[in-house]
Amino acid sequence: MQIQVNGDRREVAAGTILDLVSEMGLDPRKVAVERNLEIVPRSLHGETRLAEGDRIELVIFVGGG
């Protein structure tokens, strides 16, 4: 399916937000997700289904000092 991730069109096989995060090789504990301008709580990443044309914004938290 075609979705937009951080402004770029992507073809993905993921069915849920958690699947997408995993497909992209990201640590799900360090990612905040917005789907179609709404923040998706981490507790719902595994059950929030992606749909054709979704606009996803991913923010990755990086620690350090």
N, C-alpha and C. Protein backbone atom coordinates (compact mmCIF):
# COMPACT_ATOMS: atom_id res chain seq x y z
N MET A 1 0.85 -1.17 0.00
CA MET A 1 0.00 0.00 0.00
C MET A 1 0.89 1.23 0.00
N GLN A 2 0.39 2.31 -0.55
CA GLN A 2 1.13 3.57 -0.60
C GLN A 2 0.69 4.47 0.54
N ILE A 3 1.67 4.92 1.33
CA ILE A 3 1.42 5.91 2.38
C ILE A 3 2.51 6.97 2.28
N GLN A 4 2.35 8.02 3.05
CA GLN A 4 3.36 9.07 3.10
C GLN A 4 3.99 9.02 4.49
N VAL A 5 5.33 8.91 4.55
CA VAL A 5 6.04 8.87 5.82
C VAL A 5 7.02 10.04 5.86
N ASN A 6 6.82 10.92 6.82
CA ASN A 6 7.67 12.11 6.97
C ASN A 6 7.82 12.85 5.64
N GLY A 7 6.72 12.95 4.91
CA GLY A 7 6.70 13.72 3.67
C GLY A 7 7.08 12.96 2.41
N ASP A 8 7.53 11.72 2.55
CA ASP A 8 7.93 10.91 1.38
C ASP A 8 6.94 9.79 1.13
N ARG A 9 6.55 9.61 -0.14
CA ARG A 9 5.66 8.49 -0.48
C ARG A 9 6.44 7.19 -0.36
N ARG A 10 5.82 6.18 0.22
CA ARG A 10 6.46 4.88 0.41
C ARG A 10 5.47 3.77 0.12
N GLU A 11 5.98 2.71 -0.44
CA GLU A 11 5.22 1.47 -0.59
C GLU A 11 5.58 0.60 0.61
N VAL A 12 4.59 0.20 1.39
CA VAL A 12 4.84 -0.59 2.60
C VAL A 12 3.96 -1.83 2.62
N ALA A 13 4.44 -2.84 3.34
CA ALA A 13 3.66 -4.06 3.54
C ALA A 13 2.98 -4.05 4.91
N ALA A 14 3.36 -3.09 5.75
CA ALA A 14 2.87 -3.02 7.13
C ALA A 14 1.36 -2.87 7.18
N GLY A 15 0.76 -3.54 8.17
CA GLY A 15 -0.69 -3.43 8.38
C GLY A 15 -1.05 -2.49 9.51
N THR A 16 -0.12 -2.34 10.47
CA THR A 16 -0.35 -1.47 11.62
C THR A 16 0.82 -0.52 11.78
N ILE A 17 0.65 0.45 12.65
CA ILE A 17 1.74 1.37 12.93
C ILE A 17 2.94 0.62 13.51
N LEU A 18 2.71 -0.32 14.41
CA LEU A 18 3.81 -1.09 14.98
C LEU A 18 4.54 -1.87 13.89
N ASP A 19 3.80 -2.44 12.95
CA ASP A 19 4.42 -3.14 11.82
C ASP A 19 5.30 -2.18 11.02
N LEU A 20 4.82 -0.97 10.79
CA LEU A 20 5.57 0.02 10.02
C LEU A 20 6.88 0.38 10.73
N VAL A 21 6.78 0.63 12.03
CA VAL A 21 7.97 0.98 12.81
C VAL A 21 8.99 -0.15 12.72
N SER A 22 8.54 -1.38 12.85
CA SER A 22 9.43 -2.54 12.75
C SER A 22 10.00 -2.68 11.34
N GLU A 23 9.15 -2.49 10.32
CA GLU A 23 9.58 -2.58 8.93
C GLU A 23 10.69 -1.57 8.62
N MET A 24 10.63 -0.43 9.30
CA MET A 24 11.63 0.61 9.08
C MET A 24 12.87 0.41 9.95
N GLY A 25 12.87 -0.62 10.78
CA GLY A 25 14.04 -0.93 11.61
C GLY A 25 14.21 0.00 12.80
N LEU A 26 13.10 0.57 13.28
CA LEU A 26 13.16 1.51 14.40
C LEU A 26 12.75 0.83 15.71
N ASP A 27 13.25 1.35 16.81
CA ASP A 27 12.90 0.86 18.14
C ASP A 27 11.55 1.46 18.53
N PRO A 28 10.51 0.63 18.69
CA PRO A 28 9.18 1.17 18.98
C PRO A 28 9.09 1.93 20.30
N ARG A 29 10.05 1.71 21.21
CA ARG A 29 10.04 2.43 22.48
C ARG A 29 10.53 3.86 22.33
N LYS A 30 11.16 4.17 21.18
CA LYS A 30 11.77 5.49 21.00
C LYS A 30 11.14 6.28 19.85
N VAL A 31 9.90 5.91 19.49
CA VAL A 31 9.25 6.56 18.35
C VAL A 31 7.89 7.12 18.78
N ALA A 32 7.65 8.36 18.39
CA ALA A 32 6.32 8.96 18.53
C ALA A 32 5.71 9.02 17.13
N VAL A 33 4.40 8.75 17.04
CA VAL A 33 3.76 8.65 15.73
C VAL A 33 2.53 9.55 15.66
N GLU A 34 2.44 10.24 14.53
CA GLU A 34 1.25 11.02 14.20
C GLU A 34 0.67 10.42 12.92
N ARG A 35 -0.61 10.14 12.93
CA ARG A 35 -1.29 9.58 11.75
C ARG A 35 -2.39 10.55 11.35
N ASN A 36 -2.28 11.07 10.14
CA ASN A 36 -3.28 12.00 9.62
C ASN A 36 -3.57 13.14 10.60
N LEU A 37 -2.47 13.73 11.10
CA LEU A 37 -2.49 14.90 11.99
C LEU A 37 -2.97 14.60 13.41
N GLU A 38 -3.07 13.34 13.80
CA GLU A 38 -3.46 12.98 15.16
C GLU A 38 -2.39 12.10 15.78
N ILE A 39 -1.96 12.44 16.99
CA ILE A 39 -0.97 11.63 17.69
C ILE A 39 -1.61 10.31 18.09
N VAL A 40 -0.86 9.22 17.84
CA VAL A 40 -1.34 7.89 18.20
C VAL A 40 -0.57 7.44 19.44
N PRO A 41 -1.27 7.20 20.56
CA PRO A 41 -0.58 6.74 21.77
C PRO A 41 0.17 5.44 21.51
N ARG A 42 1.33 5.31 22.11
CA ARG A 42 2.16 4.11 21.92
C ARG A 42 1.36 2.83 22.23
N SER A 43 0.49 2.89 23.20
CA SER A 43 -0.30 1.71 23.58
C SER A 43 -1.22 1.24 22.46
N LEU A 44 -1.47 2.10 21.45
CA LEU A 44 -2.36 1.74 20.34
C LEU A 44 -1.61 1.44 19.04
N HIS A 45 -0.29 1.51 19.03
CA HIS A 45 0.47 1.28 17.80
C HIS A 45 0.21 -0.10 17.21
N GLY A 46 0.05 -1.11 18.04
CA GLY A 46 -0.16 -2.47 17.56
C GLY A 46 -1.54 -2.74 17.00
N GLU A 47 -2.50 -1.88 17.33
CA GLU A 47 -3.86 -2.11 16.86
C GLU A 47 -4.36 -1.05 15.89
N THR A 48 -3.57 0.01 15.67
CA THR A 48 -3.98 1.06 14.74
C THR A 48 -3.60 0.66 13.32
N ARG A 49 -4.62 0.38 12.52
CA ARG A 49 -4.42 -0.10 11.14
C ARG A 49 -4.04 1.06 10.22
N LEU A 50 -3.14 0.78 9.31
CA LEU A 50 -2.79 1.74 8.27
C LEU A 50 -3.75 1.59 7.11
N ALA A 51 -3.98 2.68 6.38
CA ALA A 51 -4.85 2.66 5.22
C ALA A 51 -4.15 3.37 4.07
N GLU A 52 -4.51 3.00 2.86
CA GLU A 52 -3.96 3.63 1.65
C GLU A 52 -4.06 5.15 1.78
N GLY A 53 -2.94 5.84 1.52
CA GLY A 53 -2.93 7.29 1.54
C GLY A 53 -2.70 7.93 2.90
N ASP A 54 -2.56 7.12 3.96
CA ASP A 54 -2.29 7.70 5.29
C ASP A 54 -1.05 8.58 5.24
N ARG A 55 -1.08 9.62 6.08
CA ARG A 55 0.08 10.51 6.23
C ARG A 55 0.64 10.28 7.62
N ILE A 56 1.82 9.69 7.68
CA ILE A 56 2.45 9.33 8.93
C ILE A 56 3.67 10.23 9.18
N GLU A 57 3.77 10.73 10.40
CA GLU A 57 4.97 11.46 10.81
C GLU A 57 5.57 10.67 11.97
N LEU A 58 6.86 10.37 11.84
CA LEU A 58 7.58 9.65 12.88
C LEU A 58 8.62 10.58 13.49
N VAL A 59 8.68 10.60 14.82
CA VAL A 59 9.70 11.34 15.54
C VAL A 59 10.47 10.33 16.37
N ILE A 60 11.79 10.30 16.18
CA ILE A 60 12.64 9.34 16.88
C ILE A 60 13.39 10.09 17.98
N PHE A 61 13.27 9.57 19.20
CA PHE A 61 13.93 10.18 20.35
C PHE A 61 15.36 9.68 20.44
N VAL A 62 16.29 10.60 20.62
CA VAL A 62 17.70 10.26 20.72
C VAL A 62 18.21 10.83 22.03
N GLY A 63 18.83 9.97 22.84
CA GLY A 63 19.38 10.43 24.11
C GLY A 63 20.81 10.88 23.95
N GLY A 64 21.30 11.54 24.93
CA GLY A 64 22.68 11.99 24.90
C GLY A 64 22.84 13.26 25.70
N GLY A 65 24.04 13.70 25.78
CA GLY A 65 24.26 14.89 26.58
C GLY A 65 25.34 15.66 26.05
